[in-house]
Amino acid sequence: MNRQTNRYRGLILLVAPLLASSVALTPAFAAQGRTAGSGAARTPMAPSCELTAGGGGQSGDKGNTRYDLHLSGFPANQSVHVQGKSSFRGTVDGSGSLDRRGVRYGTYGVGYRDAGSKQGKHVDCSTPPREKPGGGKGNVQVTKVEVKALTKSGTVVDCSTPPKFEFDGKITGSGNGKVRYYWTYNSSADPIASGSAEFTPGIESVSLFKAVNGSVLANTDTVTVFLTLHVPDSNLTGGRART
């Protein structure tokens, strides 16, 4: 009786460690299942291409707005062929992106091949409406152009050197954008200076200071200077100031 009891006890002692080992392995298998599931949930980004305005670099159209081309979502280190106004070949970086500055405005597309594939793929680039050169000068309504002499008539000057005269120009208008202007001196039609006045919502007028040197004539006691302000896009001419 005692021998049979000892035999049963030996069997129980041998089985118990096996059960304990099987329970200890269960959490490890669960962790492996979670890791595999999280990796399979990732979705690669689709290749895309976009043309945007306002980039640096050399422009193909002199005086026109410069554009940038942005590629993203391509396979890492993928060779691409960009076709359009400024065609070129290149390779995207490790994140699948490529930027090219200073391209000409137009419609673009990108050709490429996935690794191990013989069939080519193509992506059309999104293109914004073309921006006009000059920063939107047509968005401002100019209503008045004026010029006022800051140097008062009758001011005594030293005629041994060319005297300096000062003027204040003013452009009145409303809108958002830039307005081109230029100055002419005396009876000449050639501009002596030019620039642009910027209007934003809430600004009703822009002041423009201008100083010029007068010509000293022999056998004369007075020096007369005319200065005219022109706004060519609005076909307006400022009051001809005299001092």
C-alpha atoms as a PDB file:
ATOM      1  CA  MET A   1       0.000   0.000   0.000  1.00  0.00           C
ATOM      2  CA  ASN A   2       2.782   2.399   0.843  1.00  0.00           C
ATOM      3  CA  ARG A   3       4.692   1.498  -2.358  1.00  0.00           C
ATOM      4  CA  GLN A   4       1.657   2.368  -4.583  1.00  0.00           C
ATOM      5  CA  THR A   5       1.179   5.690  -2.781  1.00  0.00           C
ATOM      6  CA  ASN A   6       4.815   6.658  -3.372  1.00  0.00           C
ATOM      7  CA  ARG A   7       4.464   5.716  -7.088  1.00  0.00           C
ATOM      8  CA  TYR A   8       1.467   8.073  -7.524  1.00  0.00           C
ATOM      9  CA  ARG A   9       3.292  10.907  -5.795  1.00  0.00           C
ATOM     10  CA  GLY A  10       6.205  10.532  -8.221  1.00  0.00           C
ATOM     11  CA  LEU A  11       3.874  10.850 -11.183  1.00  0.00           C
ATOM     12  CA  ILE A  12       2.295  13.987  -9.794  1.00  0.00           C
ATOM     13  CA  LEU A  13       5.694  15.619  -9.252  1.00  0.00           C
ATOM     14  CA  LEU A  14       6.714  14.904 -12.858  1.00  0.00           C
ATOM     15  CA  VAL A  15       3.519  16.306 -14.406  1.00  0.00           C
ATOM     16  CA  ALA A  16       3.406  19.521 -12.398  1.00  0.00           C
ATOM     17  CA  PRO A  17       6.543  21.170 -13.960  1.00  0.00           C
ATOM     18  CA  LEU A  18       5.232  20.462 -17.466  1.00  0.00           C
ATOM     19  CA  LEU A  19       1.970  22.269 -16.736  1.00  0.00           C
ATOM     20  CA  ALA A  20       3.822  25.215 -15.273  1.00  0.00           C
ATOM     21  CA  SER A  21       6.045  25.542 -18.384  1.00  0.00           C
ATOM     22  CA  SER A  22       3.087  25.588 -20.739  1.00  0.00           C
ATOM     23  CA  VAL A  23       1.437  28.427 -18.806  1.00  0.00           C
ATOM     24  CA  ALA A  24       4.642  30.493 -18.786  1.00  0.00           C
ATOM     25  CA  LEU A  25       4.947  30.378 -22.618  1.00  0.00           C
ATOM     26  CA  THR A  26       1.417  31.653 -23.330  1.00  0.00           C
ATOM     27  CA  PRO A  27       2.134  35.475 -22.840  1.00  0.00           C
ATOM     28  CA  ALA A  28       5.149  35.298 -25.194  1.00  0.00           C
ATOM     29  CA  PHE A  29       3.029  33.858 -28.018  1.00  0.00           C
ATOM     30  CA  ALA A  30       0.427  36.614 -27.460  1.00  0.00           C
ATOM     31  CA  ALA A  31       3.092  39.325 -27.709  1.00  0.00           C
ATOM     32  CA  GLN A  32       4.325  37.939 -31.034  1.00  0.00           C
ATOM     33  CA  GLY A  33       0.777  38.027 -32.392  1.00  0.00           C
ATOM     34  CA  ARG A  34       0.365  41.687 -31.435  1.00  0.00           C
ATOM     35  CA  THR A  35       3.662  42.687 -33.122  1.00  0.00           C
ATOM     36  CA  ALA A  36       2.751  41.035 -36.413  1.00  0.00           C
ATOM     37  CA  GLY A  37      -0.695  42.640 -36.416  1.00  0.00           C
ATOM     38  CA  SER A  38       0.629  46.198 -35.874  1.00  0.00           C
ATOM     39  CA  GLY A  39       3.100  45.933 -38.793  1.00  0.00           C
ATOM     40  CA  ALA A  40       0.421  44.741 -41.206  1.00  0.00           C
ATOM     41  CA  ALA A  41      -1.801  47.778 -40.430  1.00  0.00           C
ATOM     42  CA  ARG A  42       0.521  50.309 -42.139  1.00  0.00           C
ATOM     43  CA  THR A  43      -0.562  51.578 -45.589  1.00  0.00           C
ATOM     44  CA  PRO A  44       2.009  53.147 -47.983  1.00  0.00           C
ATOM     45  CA  MET A  45       1.373  56.715 -49.205  1.00  0.00           C
ATOM     46  CA  ALA A  46       0.229  57.061 -52.828  1.00  0.00           C
ATOM     47  CA  PRO A  47       2.664  58.955 -55.136  1.00  0.00           C
ATOM     48  CA  SER A  48       1.617  62.556 -55.810  1.00  0.00           C
ATOM     49  CA  CYS A  49       2.969  65.648 -57.581  1.00  0.00           C
ATOM     50  CA  GLU A  50       2.064  69.345 -57.176  1.00  0.00           C
ATOM     51  CA  LEU A  51       3.075  72.610 -58.879  1.00  0.00           C
ATOM     52  CA  THR A  52       3.086  75.676 -56.593  1.00  0.00           C
ATOM     53  CA  ALA A  53       3.883  79.371 -57.161  1.00  0.00           C
ATOM     54  CA  GLY A  54       6.494  81.516 -55.504  1.00  0.00           C
ATOM     55  CA  GLY A  55       9.660  79.412 -55.603  1.00  0.00           C
ATOM     56  CA  GLY A  56      13.285  80.448 -55.955  1.00  0.00           C
ATOM     57  CA  GLY A  57      15.839  79.550 -58.591  1.00  0.00           C
ATOM     58  CA  GLN A  58      15.955  80.484 -62.268  1.00  0.00           C
ATOM     59  CA  SER A  59      12.679  80.964 -64.124  1.00  0.00           C
ATOM     60  CA  GLY A  60      12.219  79.886 -67.725  1.00  0.00           C
ATOM     61  CA  ASP A  61       9.957  82.883 -68.474  1.00  0.00           C
ATOM     62  CA  LYS A  62      11.703  86.185 -67.843  1.00  0.00           C
ATOM     63  CA  GLY A  63       9.667  88.458 -65.589  1.00  0.00           C
ATOM     64  CA  ASN A  64       7.041  85.802 -64.809  1.00  0.00           C
ATOM     65  CA  THR A  65       6.198  84.180 -61.503  1.00  0.00           C
ATOM     66  CA  ARG A  66       8.499  81.305 -60.591  1.00  0.00           C
ATOM     67  CA  TYR A  67       7.088  77.893 -59.702  1.00  0.00           C
ATOM     68  CA  ASP A  68       8.176  74.877 -57.638  1.00  0.00           C
ATOM     69  CA  LEU A  69       7.465  71.197 -58.305  1.00  0.00           C
ATOM     70  CA  HIS A  70       6.936  68.903 -55.278  1.00  0.00           C
ATOM     71  CA  LEU A  71       6.954  65.074 -55.494  1.00  0.00           C
ATOM     72  CA  SER A  72       6.041  62.898 -52.498  1.00  0.00           C
ATOM     73  CA  GLY A  73       4.902  59.368 -51.633  1.00  0.00           C
ATOM     74  CA  PHE A  74       7.131  57.604 -54.183  1.00  0.00           C
ATOM     75  CA  PRO A  75       9.124  54.445 -53.369  1.00  0.00           C
ATOM     76  CA  ALA A  76      12.382  55.388 -51.602  1.00  0.00           C
ATOM     77  CA  ASN A  77      15.311  56.260 -53.925  1.00  0.00           C
ATOM     78  CA  GLN A  78      13.070  55.775 -56.973  1.00  0.00           C
ATOM     79  CA  SER A  79      14.213  57.104 -60.374  1.00  0.00           C
ATOM     80  CA  VAL A  80      11.617  59.421 -61.938  1.00  0.00           C
ATOM     81  CA  HIS A  81      11.143  61.185 -65.272  1.00  0.00           C
ATOM     82  CA  VAL A  82       9.312  64.525 -65.021  1.00  0.00           C
ATOM     83  CA  GLN A  83       7.741  65.643 -68.301  1.00  0.00           C
ATOM     84  CA  GLY A  84       6.435  69.157 -69.021  1.00  0.00           C
ATOM     85  CA  LYS A  85       7.702  72.684 -69.794  1.00  0.00           C
ATOM     86  CA  SER A  86      10.861  71.982 -67.755  1.00  0.00           C
ATOM     87  CA  SER A  87      11.415  68.230 -68.236  1.00  0.00           C
ATOM     88  CA  PHE A  88      14.127  66.497 -66.188  1.00  0.00           C
ATOM     89  CA  ARG A  89      15.160  63.150 -64.692  1.00  0.00           C
ATOM     90  CA  GLY A  90      15.940  62.656 -61.023  1.00  0.00           C
ATOM     91  CA  THR A  91      15.805  60.388 -57.982  1.00  0.00           C
ATOM     92  CA  VAL A  92      13.567  60.875 -54.957  1.00  0.00           C
ATOM     93  CA  ASP A  93      15.135  60.734 -51.495  1.00  0.00           C
ATOM     94  CA  GLY A  94      14.795  58.051 -48.830  1.00  0.00           C
ATOM     95  CA  SER A  95      11.356  59.342 -47.833  1.00  0.00           C
ATOM     96  CA  GLY A  96      10.074  59.306 -51.439  1.00  0.00           C
ATOM     97  CA  SER A  97      10.190  63.100 -51.969  1.00  0.00           C
ATOM     98  CA  LEU A  98      11.788  65.432 -54.516  1.00  0.00           C
ATOM     99  CA  ASP A  99      11.615  69.252 -54.900  1.00  0.00           C
ATOM    100  CA  ARG A 100      12.635  71.198 -58.015  1.00  0.00           C
ATOM    101  CA  ARG A 101      12.610  75.020 -57.898  1.00  0.00           C
ATOM    102  CA  GLY A 102      12.286  77.575 -60.677  1.00  0.00           C
ATOM    103  CA  VAL A 103      10.378  75.473 -63.235  1.00  0.00           C
ATOM    104  CA  ARG A 104       8.229  77.044 -65.952  1.00  0.00           C
ATOM    105  CA  TYR A 105       4.468  77.140 -65.608  1.00  0.00           C
ATOM    106  CA  GLY A 106       2.585  74.348 -67.384  1.00  0.00           C
ATOM    107  CA  THR A 107       1.141  70.843 -67.140  1.00  0.00           C
ATOM    108  CA  TYR A 108       3.472  68.181 -65.706  1.00  0.00           C
ATOM    109  CA  GLY A 109       3.485  64.406 -65.263  1.00  0.00           C
ATOM    110  CA  VAL A 110       5.850  61.939 -63.583  1.00  0.00           C
ATOM    111  CA  GLY A 111       6.810  58.540 -65.042  1.00  0.00           C
ATOM    112  CA  TYR A 112       8.465  55.801 -62.959  1.00  0.00           C
ATOM    113  CA  ARG A 113       8.725  52.031 -62.490  1.00  0.00           C
ATOM    114  CA  ASP A 114       8.412  50.044 -59.285  1.00  0.00           C
ATOM    115  CA  ALA A 115      11.349  47.802 -58.388  1.00  0.00           C
ATOM    116  CA  GLY A 116      11.098  44.488 -60.260  1.00  0.00           C
ATOM    117  CA  SER A 117       8.279  45.697 -62.521  1.00  0.00           C
ATOM    118  CA  LYS A 118       8.649  46.110 -66.279  1.00  0.00           C
ATOM    119  CA  GLN A 119       5.431  48.135 -66.669  1.00  0.00           C
ATOM    120  CA  GLY A 120       5.781  51.890 -66.283  1.00  0.00           C
ATOM    121  CA  LYS A 121       3.510  54.016 -64.101  1.00  0.00           C
ATOM    122  CA  HIS A 122       2.411  57.644 -64.484  1.00  0.00           C
ATOM    123  CA  VAL A 123       1.252  60.352 -62.061  1.00  0.00           C
ATOM    124  CA  ASP A 124      -0.339  63.650 -63.211  1.00  0.00           C
ATOM    125  CA  CYS A 125       0.769  66.757 -61.315  1.00  0.00           C
ATOM    126  CA  SER A 126      -1.843  69.160 -59.940  1.00  0.00           C
ATOM    127  CA  THR A 127      -1.504  72.642 -61.482  1.00  0.00           C
ATOM    128  CA  PRO A 128      -2.831  75.908 -59.937  1.00  0.00           C
ATOM    129  CA  PRO A 129      -4.261  78.799 -61.993  1.00  0.00           C
ATOM    130  CA  ARG A 130      -1.454  80.872 -63.488  1.00  0.00           C
ATOM    131  CA  GLU A 131      -0.508  83.980 -61.486  1.00  0.00           C
ATOM    132  CA  LYS A 132      -0.089  87.267 -63.314  1.00  0.00           C
ATOM    133  CA  PRO A 133       3.316  89.010 -63.168  1.00  0.00           C
ATOM    134  CA  GLY A 134       3.479  92.137 -61.019  1.00  0.00           C
ATOM    135  CA  GLY A 135       1.822  90.851 -57.860  1.00  0.00           C
ATOM    136  CA  GLY A 136      -1.812  91.586 -58.677  1.00  0.00           C
ATOM    137  CA  LYS A 137      -1.523  95.199 -59.823  1.00  0.00           C
ATOM    138  CA  GLY A 138      -4.956  95.005 -61.469  1.00  0.00           C
ATOM    139  CA  ASN A 139      -6.701  94.541 -58.107  1.00  0.00           C
ATOM    140  CA  VAL A 140      -6.367  98.201 -57.080  1.00  0.00           C
ATOM    141  CA  GLN A 141      -8.754 100.943 -58.215  1.00  0.00           C
ATOM    142  CA  VAL A 142      -6.814 104.235 -58.364  1.00  0.00           C
ATOM    143  CA  THR A 143      -9.026 107.329 -58.071  1.00  0.00           C
ATOM    144  CA  LYS A 144      -6.587 110.240 -57.762  1.00  0.00           C
ATOM    145  CA  VAL A 145      -2.901 111.143 -58.251  1.00  0.00           C
ATOM    146  CA  GLU A 146      -1.470 114.308 -56.673  1.00  0.00           C
ATOM    147  CA  VAL A 147       1.897 116.050 -56.288  1.00  0.00           C
ATOM    148  CA  LYS A 148       2.746 118.769 -53.750  1.00  0.00           C
ATOM    149  CA  ALA A 149       5.945 120.838 -53.639  1.00  0.00           C
ATOM    150  CA  LEU A 150       7.526 120.703 -50.182  1.00  0.00           C
ATOM    151  CA  THR A 151      10.131 123.324 -51.072  1.00  0.00           C
ATOM    152  CA  LYS A 152       8.213 126.590 -50.844  1.00  0.00           C
ATOM    153  CA  SER A 153       8.308 129.090 -53.695  1.00  0.00           C
ATOM    154  CA  GLY A 154      10.668 131.985 -52.940  1.00  0.00           C
ATOM    155  CA  THR A 155      13.124 129.856 -50.934  1.00  0.00           C
ATOM    156  CA  VAL A 156      16.657 131.305 -51.145  1.00  0.00           C
ATOM    157  CA  VAL A 157      19.168 128.756 -52.476  1.00  0.00           C
ATOM    158  CA  ASP A 158      22.906 128.745 -53.098  1.00  0.00           C
ATOM    159  CA  CYS A 159      23.287 128.906 -56.874  1.00  0.00           C
ATOM    160  CA  SER A 160      26.962 127.977 -56.760  1.00  0.00           C
ATOM    161  CA  THR A 161      25.838 124.339 -56.449  1.00  0.00           C
ATOM    162  CA  PRO A 162      22.787 122.573 -57.922  1.00  0.00           C
ATOM    163  CA  PRO A 163      19.937 123.287 -55.473  1.00  0.00           C
ATOM    164  CA  LYS A 164      17.778 120.380 -54.156  1.00  0.00           C
ATOM    165  CA  PHE A 165      13.984 120.470 -54.296  1.00  0.00           C
ATOM    166  CA  GLU A 166      11.589 118.146 -52.446  1.00  0.00           C
ATOM    167  CA  PHE A 167       8.138 116.911 -53.504  1.00  0.00           C
ATOM    168  CA  ASP A 168       5.404 114.756 -51.998  1.00  0.00           C
ATOM    169  CA  GLY A 169       3.365 112.528 -54.309  1.00  0.00           C
ATOM    170  CA  LYS A 170       0.158 110.813 -53.276  1.00  0.00           C
ATOM    171  CA  ILE A 171      -1.779 107.970 -54.930  1.00  0.00           C
ATOM    172  CA  THR A 172      -5.357 107.483 -53.714  1.00  0.00           C
ATOM    173  CA  GLY A 173      -7.265 104.247 -54.311  1.00  0.00           C
ATOM    174  CA  SER A 174      -8.687 101.069 -52.819  1.00  0.00           C
ATOM    175  CA  GLY A 175      -8.092  97.349 -53.168  1.00  0.00           C
ATOM    176  CA  ASN A 176      -5.304  94.857 -52.593  1.00  0.00           C
ATOM    177  CA  GLY A 177      -2.154  94.751 -54.705  1.00  0.00           C
ATOM    178  CA  LYS A 178       0.585  96.916 -56.202  1.00  0.00           C
ATOM    179  CA  VAL A 179       0.338 100.013 -58.391  1.00  0.00           C
ATOM    180  CA  ARG A 180       3.206 100.937 -60.738  1.00  0.00           C
ATOM    181  CA  TYR A 181       4.298 104.573 -60.938  1.00  0.00           C
ATOM    182  CA  TYR A 182       7.104 106.738 -62.325  1.00  0.00           C
ATOM    183  CA  TRP A 183       8.292 110.375 -62.124  1.00  0.00           C
ATOM    184  CA  THR A 184       9.207 112.755 -64.945  1.00  0.00           C
ATOM    185  CA  TYR A 185      11.271 115.943 -64.609  1.00  0.00           C
ATOM    186  CA  ASN A 186      10.359 119.265 -66.246  1.00  0.00           C
ATOM    187  CA  SER A 187       9.279 118.822 -69.891  1.00  0.00           C
ATOM    188  CA  SER A 188      11.051 115.492 -70.449  1.00  0.00           C
ATOM    189  CA  ALA A 189       8.942 112.349 -70.964  1.00  0.00           C
ATOM    190  CA  ASP A 190      11.755 110.043 -69.822  1.00  0.00           C
ATOM    191  CA  PRO A 191      11.253 108.590 -66.307  1.00  0.00           C
ATOM    192  CA  ILE A 192      13.795 109.706 -63.707  1.00  0.00           C
ATOM    193  CA  ALA A 193      12.574 107.144 -61.135  1.00  0.00           C
ATOM    194  CA  SER A 194       9.975 104.392 -60.875  1.00  0.00           C
ATOM    195  CA  GLY A 195       8.533 101.946 -58.357  1.00  0.00           C
ATOM    196  CA  SER A 196       5.324 100.424 -57.044  1.00  0.00           C
ATOM    197  CA  ALA A 197       2.915 101.486 -54.302  1.00  0.00           C
ATOM    198  CA  GLU A 198       1.336  98.634 -52.321  1.00  0.00           C
ATOM    199  CA  PHE A 199      -2.299  98.773 -51.221  1.00  0.00           C
ATOM    200  CA  THR A 200      -3.967  96.488 -48.671  1.00  0.00           C
ATOM    201  CA  PRO A 201      -7.557  96.566 -47.328  1.00  0.00           C
ATOM    202  CA  GLY A 202      -7.946  99.679 -45.172  1.00  0.00           C
ATOM    203  CA  ILE A 203      -5.265 101.762 -46.932  1.00  0.00           C
ATOM    204  CA  GLU A 204      -6.792 104.644 -48.886  1.00  0.00           C
ATOM    205  CA  SER A 205      -3.631 106.439 -50.055  1.00  0.00           C
ATOM    206  CA  VAL A 206       0.132 105.993 -50.364  1.00  0.00           C
ATOM    207  CA  SER A 207       2.589 108.907 -50.018  1.00  0.00           C
ATOM    208  CA  LEU A 208       5.736 109.058 -52.161  1.00  0.00           C
ATOM    209  CA  PHE A 209       8.620 111.393 -51.285  1.00  0.00           C
ATOM    210  CA  LYS A 210      10.900 112.575 -54.089  1.00  0.00           C
ATOM    211  CA  ALA A 211      13.899 114.947 -54.106  1.00  0.00           C
ATOM    212  CA  VAL A 212      15.552 116.284 -57.276  1.00  0.00           C
ATOM    213  CA  ASN A 213      18.388 118.663 -58.093  1.00  0.00           C
ATOM    214  CA  GLY A 214      17.514 121.787 -60.055  1.00  0.00           C
ATOM    215  CA  SER A 215      19.590 123.155 -62.908  1.00  0.00           C
ATOM    216  CA  VAL A 216      21.241 126.534 -62.383  1.00  0.00           C
ATOM    217  CA  LEU A 217      21.006 128.807 -65.435  1.00  0.00           C
ATOM    218  CA  ALA A 218      23.255 131.780 -66.085  1.00  0.00           C
ATOM    219  CA  ASN A 219      21.867 135.322 -65.822  1.00  0.00           C
ATOM    220  CA  THR A 220      18.730 134.262 -63.891  1.00  0.00           C
ATOM    221  CA  ASP A 221      17.550 135.031 -60.403  1.00  0.00           C
ATOM    222  CA  THR A 222      15.068 132.159 -60.104  1.00  0.00           C
ATOM    223  CA  VAL A 223      15.095 128.380 -60.559  1.00  0.00           C
ATOM    224  CA  THR A 224      11.891 126.624 -61.674  1.00  0.00           C
ATOM    225  CA  VAL A 225      11.324 122.858 -61.335  1.00  0.00           C
ATOM    226  CA  PHE A 226       8.387 120.766 -62.573  1.00  0.00           C
ATOM    227  CA  LEU A 227       7.791 117.221 -61.339  1.00  0.00           C
ATOM    228  CA  THR A 228       5.006 114.922 -62.573  1.00  0.00           C
ATOM    229  CA  LEU A 229       3.798 111.629 -61.099  1.00  0.00           C
ATOM    230  CA  HIS A 230       2.395 109.023 -63.526  1.00  0.00           C
ATOM    231  CA  VAL A 231       0.321 105.859 -62.886  1.00  0.00           C
ATOM    232  CA  PRO A 232       0.366 104.125 -66.312  1.00  0.00           C
ATOM    233  CA  ASP A 233      -1.903 101.149 -65.500  1.00  0.00           C
ATOM    234  CA  SER A 234      -4.738 103.539 -64.587  1.00  0.00           C
ATOM    235  CA  ASN A 235      -3.901 106.119 -67.288  1.00  0.00           C
ATOM    236  CA  LEU A 236      -3.633 108.795 -64.602  1.00  0.00           C
ATOM    237  CA  THR A 237      -1.102 111.631 -64.275  1.00  0.00           C
ATOM    238  CA  GLY A 238      -0.410 113.522 -61.083  1.00  0.00           C
ATOM    239  CA  GLY A 239      -0.745 117.260 -60.694  1.00  0.00           C
ATOM    240  CA  ARG A 240       2.327 118.913 -62.112  1.00  0.00           C
ATOM    241  CA  ALA A 241       4.014 120.503 -59.109  1.00  0.00           C
ATOM    242  CA  ARG A 242       6.145 123.596 -59.535  1.00  0.00           C
ATOM    243  CA  THR A 243       8.571 125.307 -57.231  1.00  0.00           C
END
